Amino acid sequence: SSYAPGTHWNYSNIGYAFLGLIIAEADGRSFEEAVKARVFKPLGMNNSVGAIRGTDRHRYPIGYLPYLTDRMTLRPSPVAPAPWADIDNAAGSNAATAADMAKFLRFLLGLTQGKGSGVISDASAVKFLANPADAPADGKGVTYGNGIGHYPIDGREYLHHTGGMVSVVSSLHVDAEAGVAAFASTNIGYAASNYRPRDITLHACNLLRSLNAGVAPPIPRPARVVVENPKLYAGVYTAANGDRIETVAGAETLTLRHRGAQSRMQDAGGGMFACEAPEFQVTGLLFQVE
């Protein structure tokens, strides 16, 4: 089905790669060169690149992936060095130092104040964040537009984005009202469990906001993986062939009972759970909640 522009959103790597080709055609140079001239240079991001290439490999940390990549992975688990991949399309080929990402976060904060910071006009900056499309699949009240998610979290409004390459996953949050922002990146990918360092950047914003306000810092979320509302998934499920599984809710956990054995389950997001039980290690278990 199709939708009127601005009324629906669903993420697409192919869509962003296609936009990169359009940029290259309209600008008369590669996407890599265009993003350097139009974004990195005006913002002073002099140690950033618009393509990930083997010639720069010495600048990157070694990346890691789960040792077994054919299955849902519980965290933590054994890991192995990830293969290298050259990437030059607009769906995720930008790399930057921590100092340059701080400059980019300042740019995003400026956008919320209607400032284009030399990248776009101030008038365009206002339009850039205006009228995002509903993105209910990402959460209640979430909207998305121009590569930026708008997330209501604990009564506050954040700009938010995550990304993942072969073995690197990243996250940023911007609290425009408080004037703070945070970015985090890690060199291990858990694609099967949809891991992003979201909790880290959200907590960093909370810490900065508390520091500026002179109040006690908030308690961070647990470092371990927890299940939100485990009772939602608890129950007994019977297949047409009579096979029976039971999921038992703890305070922040979900346990699987199947064929006389008991094993761990770990929330991978979107109703998907990684399972310790051998019979579900590859596929995991998906719950559809209505």
Protein backbone atom coordinates (compact mmCIF):
# COMPACT_ATOMS: atom_id res chain seq x y z
CA SER A 1 0.00 0.00 0.00
CA SER A 2 1.06 3.64 -0.41
CA TYR A 3 0.74 6.70 1.80
CA ALA A 4 0.55 10.43 1.28
CA PRO A 5 3.91 12.14 1.91
CA GLY A 6 4.48 12.88 5.60
CA THR A 7 1.72 10.58 6.86
CA HIS A 8 3.62 7.33 7.41
CA TRP A 9 7.15 6.22 8.23
CA ASN A 10 9.13 3.01 8.11
CA TYR A 11 12.91 2.85 8.14
CA SER A 12 14.63 1.70 4.93
CA ASN A 13 18.37 1.35 4.33
CA ILE A 14 17.66 1.20 0.62
CA GLY A 15 15.75 4.48 0.85
CA TYR A 16 18.70 6.30 2.39
CA ALA A 17 21.13 4.72 -0.07
CA PHE A 18 18.91 5.95 -2.88
CA LEU A 19 18.84 9.46 -1.40
CA GLY A 20 22.64 9.40 -1.38
CA LEU A 21 22.63 8.71 -5.11
CA ILE A 22 20.20 11.60 -5.65
CA ILE A 23 22.49 13.90 -3.64
CA ALA A 24 25.49 12.84 -5.73
CA GLU A 25 23.62 13.45 -8.97
CA ALA A 26 22.28 16.85 -7.89
CA ASP A 27 25.57 18.00 -6.35
CA GLY A 28 27.82 16.79 -9.14
CA ARG A 29 30.13 14.87 -6.80
CA SER A 30 30.07 11.70 -4.71
CA PHE A 31 27.98 11.52 -1.55
CA GLU A 32 31.23 11.25 0.41
CA GLU A 33 32.51 14.53 -1.04
CA ALA A 34 29.13 16.24 -0.76
CA VAL A 35 28.62 15.46 2.94
CA LYS A 36 32.19 16.58 3.68
CA ALA A 37 31.70 19.93 1.93
CA ARG A 38 28.11 20.59 2.98
CA VAL A 39 28.05 19.24 6.55
CA PHE A 40 31.44 18.39 8.00
CA LYS A 41 33.32 21.48 6.83
CA PRO A 42 30.76 24.10 8.00
CA LEU A 43 30.57 22.40 11.41
CA GLY A 44 34.35 22.09 11.77
CA MET A 45 34.15 18.29 11.78
CA ASN A 46 37.60 17.94 10.28
CA ASN A 47 38.19 14.38 11.47
CA SER A 48 35.03 12.90 9.96
CA VAL A 49 34.55 10.98 6.73
CA GLY A 50 31.54 10.11 4.59
CA ALA A 51 32.72 6.62 3.66
CA ILE A 52 34.23 3.70 5.57
CA ARG A 53 37.24 2.43 3.62
CA GLY A 54 40.07 0.00 4.22
CA THR A 55 42.63 2.79 3.75
CA ASP A 56 41.38 4.29 7.04
CA ARG A 57 41.22 1.00 8.89
CA HIS A 58 44.07 1.99 11.20
CA ARG A 59 41.81 4.71 12.61
CA TYR A 60 39.16 2.26 13.81
CA PRO A 61 39.06 -0.09 16.79
CA ILE A 62 38.70 -3.80 16.10
CA GLY A 63 35.04 -4.69 15.81
CA TYR A 64 33.42 -7.76 17.32
CA LEU A 65 30.37 -9.89 16.63
CA PRO A 66 28.82 -12.81 18.51
CA TYR A 67 30.87 -15.97 17.94
CA LEU A 68 27.78 -17.65 16.49
CA THR A 69 25.95 -15.36 14.06
CA ASP A 70 23.29 -17.82 12.87
CA ARG A 71 21.09 -17.38 15.92
CA MET A 72 19.54 -15.09 18.49
CA THR A 73 22.26 -14.20 20.98
CA LEU A 74 21.94 -13.77 24.72
CA ARG A 75 24.16 -11.10 26.21
CA PRO A 76 26.87 -11.50 27.29
CA SER A 77 28.12 -14.29 25.05
CA PRO A 78 31.39 -15.31 23.35
CA VAL A 79 32.51 -12.92 20.59
CA ALA A 80 34.93 -12.99 17.67
CA PRO A 81 36.60 -10.29 15.52
CA ALA A 82 34.18 -9.04 12.88
CA PRO A 83 34.95 -8.98 9.16
CA TRP A 84 35.86 -5.63 7.63
CA ALA A 85 33.46 -4.06 5.16
CA ASP A 86 33.96 -0.99 2.97
CA ILE A 87 30.75 1.08 2.99
CA ASP A 88 30.14 4.22 0.96
CA ASN A 89 26.36 4.59 0.71
CA ALA A 90 24.25 7.11 2.58
CA ALA A 91 22.51 4.50 4.75
CA GLY A 92 25.37 4.53 7.23
CA SER A 93 28.85 5.25 5.96
CA ASN A 94 29.77 8.23 8.12
CA ALA A 95 32.51 7.93 10.73
CA ALA A 96 33.58 10.60 13.20
CA THR A 97 35.73 11.13 16.27
CA ALA A 98 34.17 11.78 19.66
CA ALA A 99 35.16 15.45 19.46
CA ASP A 100 33.51 15.81 16.05
CA MET A 101 30.34 14.13 17.31
CA ALA A 102 30.20 16.75 20.06
CA LYS A 103 30.16 19.39 17.31
CA PHE A 104 27.36 17.52 15.56
CA LEU A 105 25.32 17.39 18.77
CA ARG A 106 25.72 21.17 19.09
CA PHE A 107 24.39 21.42 15.53
CA LEU A 108 21.32 19.39 16.49
CA LEU A 109 20.76 21.58 19.55
CA GLY A 110 21.01 24.59 17.25
CA LEU A 111 18.37 23.13 14.94
CA THR A 112 15.92 23.07 17.85
CA GLN A 113 16.51 26.83 18.18
CA GLY A 114 16.02 27.48 14.46
CA LYS A 115 19.73 27.79 13.67
CA GLY A 116 21.15 26.19 10.52
CA SER A 117 24.78 26.72 11.64
CA GLY A 118 25.99 27.23 8.09
CA VAL A 119 24.73 23.84 6.93
CA ILE A 120 21.23 25.00 6.01
CA SER A 121 19.44 28.31 6.34
CA ASP A 122 17.73 29.22 9.60
CA ALA A 123 14.38 29.04 7.82
CA SER A 124 15.20 25.51 6.66
CA ALA A 125 16.30 24.60 10.18
CA VAL A 126 12.81 25.38 11.45
CA LYS A 127 11.25 23.26 8.71
CA PHE A 128 13.76 20.44 9.24
CA LEU A 129 12.28 19.43 12.57
CA ALA A 130 8.68 20.36 11.80
CA ASN A 131 5.80 17.98 11.01
CA PRO A 132 7.45 14.57 11.55
CA ALA A 133 5.42 11.49 10.61
CA ASP A 134 3.91 9.15 13.18
CA ALA A 135 6.12 6.15 13.97
CA PRO A 136 3.99 4.00 16.30
CA ALA A 137 6.15 0.91 15.73
CA ASP A 138 8.93 2.69 17.66
CA GLY A 139 6.73 3.51 20.64
CA LYS A 140 3.70 5.44 21.79
CA GLY A 141 3.82 9.07 20.67
CA VAL A 142 7.04 8.62 18.66
CA THR A 143 7.39 10.56 15.41
CA TYR A 144 10.14 10.64 12.79
CA GLY A 145 11.33 12.98 10.08
CA ASN A 146 14.53 13.76 8.16
CA GLY A 147 16.49 11.03 9.91
CA ILE A 148 15.57 12.15 13.43
CA GLY A 149 13.17 10.48 15.85
CA HIS A 150 11.11 12.55 18.30
CA TYR A 151 10.65 10.52 21.49
CA PRO A 152 8.54 11.33 24.57
CA ILE A 153 10.36 9.70 27.53
CA ASP A 154 9.40 10.14 31.18
CA GLY A 155 7.58 13.37 30.47
CA ARG A 156 10.38 14.91 28.39
CA GLU A 157 10.84 15.29 24.64
CA TYR A 158 14.04 13.99 23.06
CA LEU A 159 15.52 13.92 19.60
CA HIS A 160 16.90 10.44 19.14
CA HIS A 161 18.71 8.37 16.55
CA THR A 162 20.55 5.06 16.50
CA GLY A 163 22.64 3.31 13.91
CA GLY A 164 24.49 0.08 13.37
CA MET A 165 27.14 -1.07 10.92
CA VAL A 166 28.82 -4.47 10.70
CA SER A 167 30.24 -4.35 14.22
CA VAL A 168 29.58 -0.84 15.51
CA VAL A 169 26.35 0.40 17.08
CA SER A 170 25.65 3.95 18.19
CA SER A 171 23.01 6.15 19.79
CA LEU A 172 22.36 9.81 20.48
CA HIS A 173 19.81 11.72 22.53
CA VAL A 174 19.15 15.46 22.53
CA ASP A 175 17.15 17.16 25.29
CA ALA A 176 16.49 20.53 23.68
CA GLU A 177 14.65 22.04 26.65
CA ALA A 178 17.59 21.33 28.96
CA GLY A 179 20.18 22.18 26.31
CA VAL A 180 22.07 18.90 26.70
CA ALA A 181 22.90 16.02 24.38
CA ALA A 182 24.91 12.79 24.42
CA PHE A 183 26.39 10.30 21.97
CA ALA A 184 27.73 6.78 22.53
CA SER A 185 29.20 4.16 20.25
CA THR A 186 30.48 0.65 20.89
CA ASN A 187 32.54 -1.68 18.72
CA ILE A 188 30.42 -4.76 19.16
CA GLY A 189 27.29 -5.57 17.19
CA TYR A 190 24.36 -7.61 18.44
CA ALA A 191 22.18 -7.28 15.35
CA ALA A 192 20.02 -10.27 16.21
CA SER A 193 19.03 -8.71 19.54
CA ASN A 194 18.71 -5.15 18.18
CA TYR A 195 21.20 -3.75 20.72
CA ARG A 196 21.95 -0.03 20.69
CA PRO A 197 23.51 1.97 23.58
CA ARG A 198 20.23 3.89 24.04
CA ASP A 199 20.20 3.61 27.83
CA ILE A 200 23.70 5.07 28.01
CA THR A 201 22.93 8.23 26.03
CA LEU A 202 19.59 8.73 27.76
CA HIS A 203 21.20 8.43 31.19
CA ALA A 204 24.01 10.78 30.14
CA CYS A 205 21.42 13.43 29.25
CA ASN A 206 19.76 12.91 32.62
CA LEU A 207 23.12 13.29 34.39
CA LEU A 208 23.98 16.49 32.51
CA ARG A 209 20.55 17.95 33.19
CA SER A 210 20.84 17.11 36.90
CA LEU A 211 24.33 18.60 37.07
CA ASN A 212 23.16 21.85 35.49
CA ALA A 213 20.16 22.02 37.84
CA GLY A 214 22.23 21.19 40.92
CA VAL A 215 20.03 18.26 41.91
CA ALA A 216 20.76 14.65 42.75
CA PRO A 217 21.45 12.48 39.68
CA PRO A 218 18.89 9.87 38.68
CA ILE A 219 19.40 6.18 39.32
CA PRO A 220 20.60 4.49 36.12
CA ARG A 221 18.77 1.60 34.56
CA PRO A 222 20.25 -1.82 35.39
CA ALA A 223 23.29 -2.75 33.32
CA ARG A 224 21.89 -6.24 32.95
CA VAL A 225 19.19 -6.98 30.39
CA VAL A 226 15.77 -6.82 32.03
CA VAL A 227 12.29 -7.61 30.74
CA GLU A 228 9.81 -4.77 30.92
CA ASN A 229 6.44 -6.04 32.16
CA PRO A 230 7.30 -9.78 32.05
CA LYS A 231 3.74 -10.71 33.09
CA LEU A 232 2.63 -9.57 29.64
CA TYR A 233 4.31 -12.63 28.11
CA ALA A 234 3.73 -15.18 30.88
CA GLY A 235 1.48 -18.13 30.18
CA VAL A 236 1.11 -21.60 28.74
CA TYR A 237 1.18 -22.03 24.95
CA THR A 238 0.16 -25.23 23.19
CA ALA A 239 0.86 -25.97 19.51
CA ALA A 240 -1.52 -27.86 17.22
CA ASN A 241 0.66 -30.96 17.59
CA GLY A 242 0.37 -30.81 21.37
CA ASP A 243 3.83 -29.41 22.04
CA ARG A 244 3.59 -27.23 25.14
CA ILE A 245 5.74 -24.38 26.40
CA GLU A 246 5.34 -22.30 29.53
CA THR A 247 6.82 -18.86 30.22
CA VAL A 248 7.13 -17.83 33.86
CA ALA A 249 7.46 -14.19 34.90
CA GLY A 250 9.89 -13.00 37.56
CA ALA A 251 10.34 -9.44 38.76
CA GLU A 252 12.38 -8.46 35.68
CA THR A 253 12.90 -11.82 33.99
CA LEU A 254 11.13 -14.41 31.89
CA THR A 255 11.90 -18.12 32.19
CA LEU A 256 11.07 -20.83 29.66
CA ARG A 257 9.83 -24.28 30.67
CA HIS A 258 9.79 -26.81 27.83
CA ARG A 259 10.12 -30.58 27.65
CA GLY A 260 11.02 -30.88 31.31
CA ALA A 261 13.81 -28.30 31.21
CA GLN A 262 13.99 -24.71 32.46
CA SER A 263 16.08 -22.04 30.72
CA ARG A 264 16.68 -18.29 30.43
CA MET A 265 15.01 -15.91 28.01
CA GLN A 266 16.29 -12.43 27.13
CA ASP A 267 14.33 -9.53 25.70
CA ALA A 268 15.57 -8.57 22.21
CA GLY A 269 12.92 -5.90 21.57
CA GLY A 270 9.68 -5.86 19.61
CA GLY A 271 8.30 -8.93 21.39
CA MET A 272 11.30 -11.06 20.32
CA PHE A 273 13.18 -13.10 22.90
CA ALA A 274 16.52 -14.87 22.65
CA CYS A 275 16.39 -18.27 24.33
CA GLU A 276 18.94 -20.46 26.06
CA ALA A 277 16.98 -23.63 25.22
CA PRO A 278 18.71 -25.41 22.29
CA GLU A 279 15.48 -25.91 20.38
CA PHE A 280 14.89 -22.14 20.23
CA GLN A 281 18.48 -20.82 20.11
CA VAL A 282 18.41 -20.13 16.37
CA THR A 283 14.90 -18.78 15.92
CA GLY A 284 14.18 -17.25 19.31
CA LEU A 285 10.56 -16.78 20.34
CA LEU A 286 8.32 -14.01 19.05
CA PHE A 287 5.28 -12.84 21.03
CA GLN A 288 2.50 -10.92 19.29
CA VAL A 289 0.65 -8.88 21.88
CA GLU A 290 -2.66 -7.25 21.01
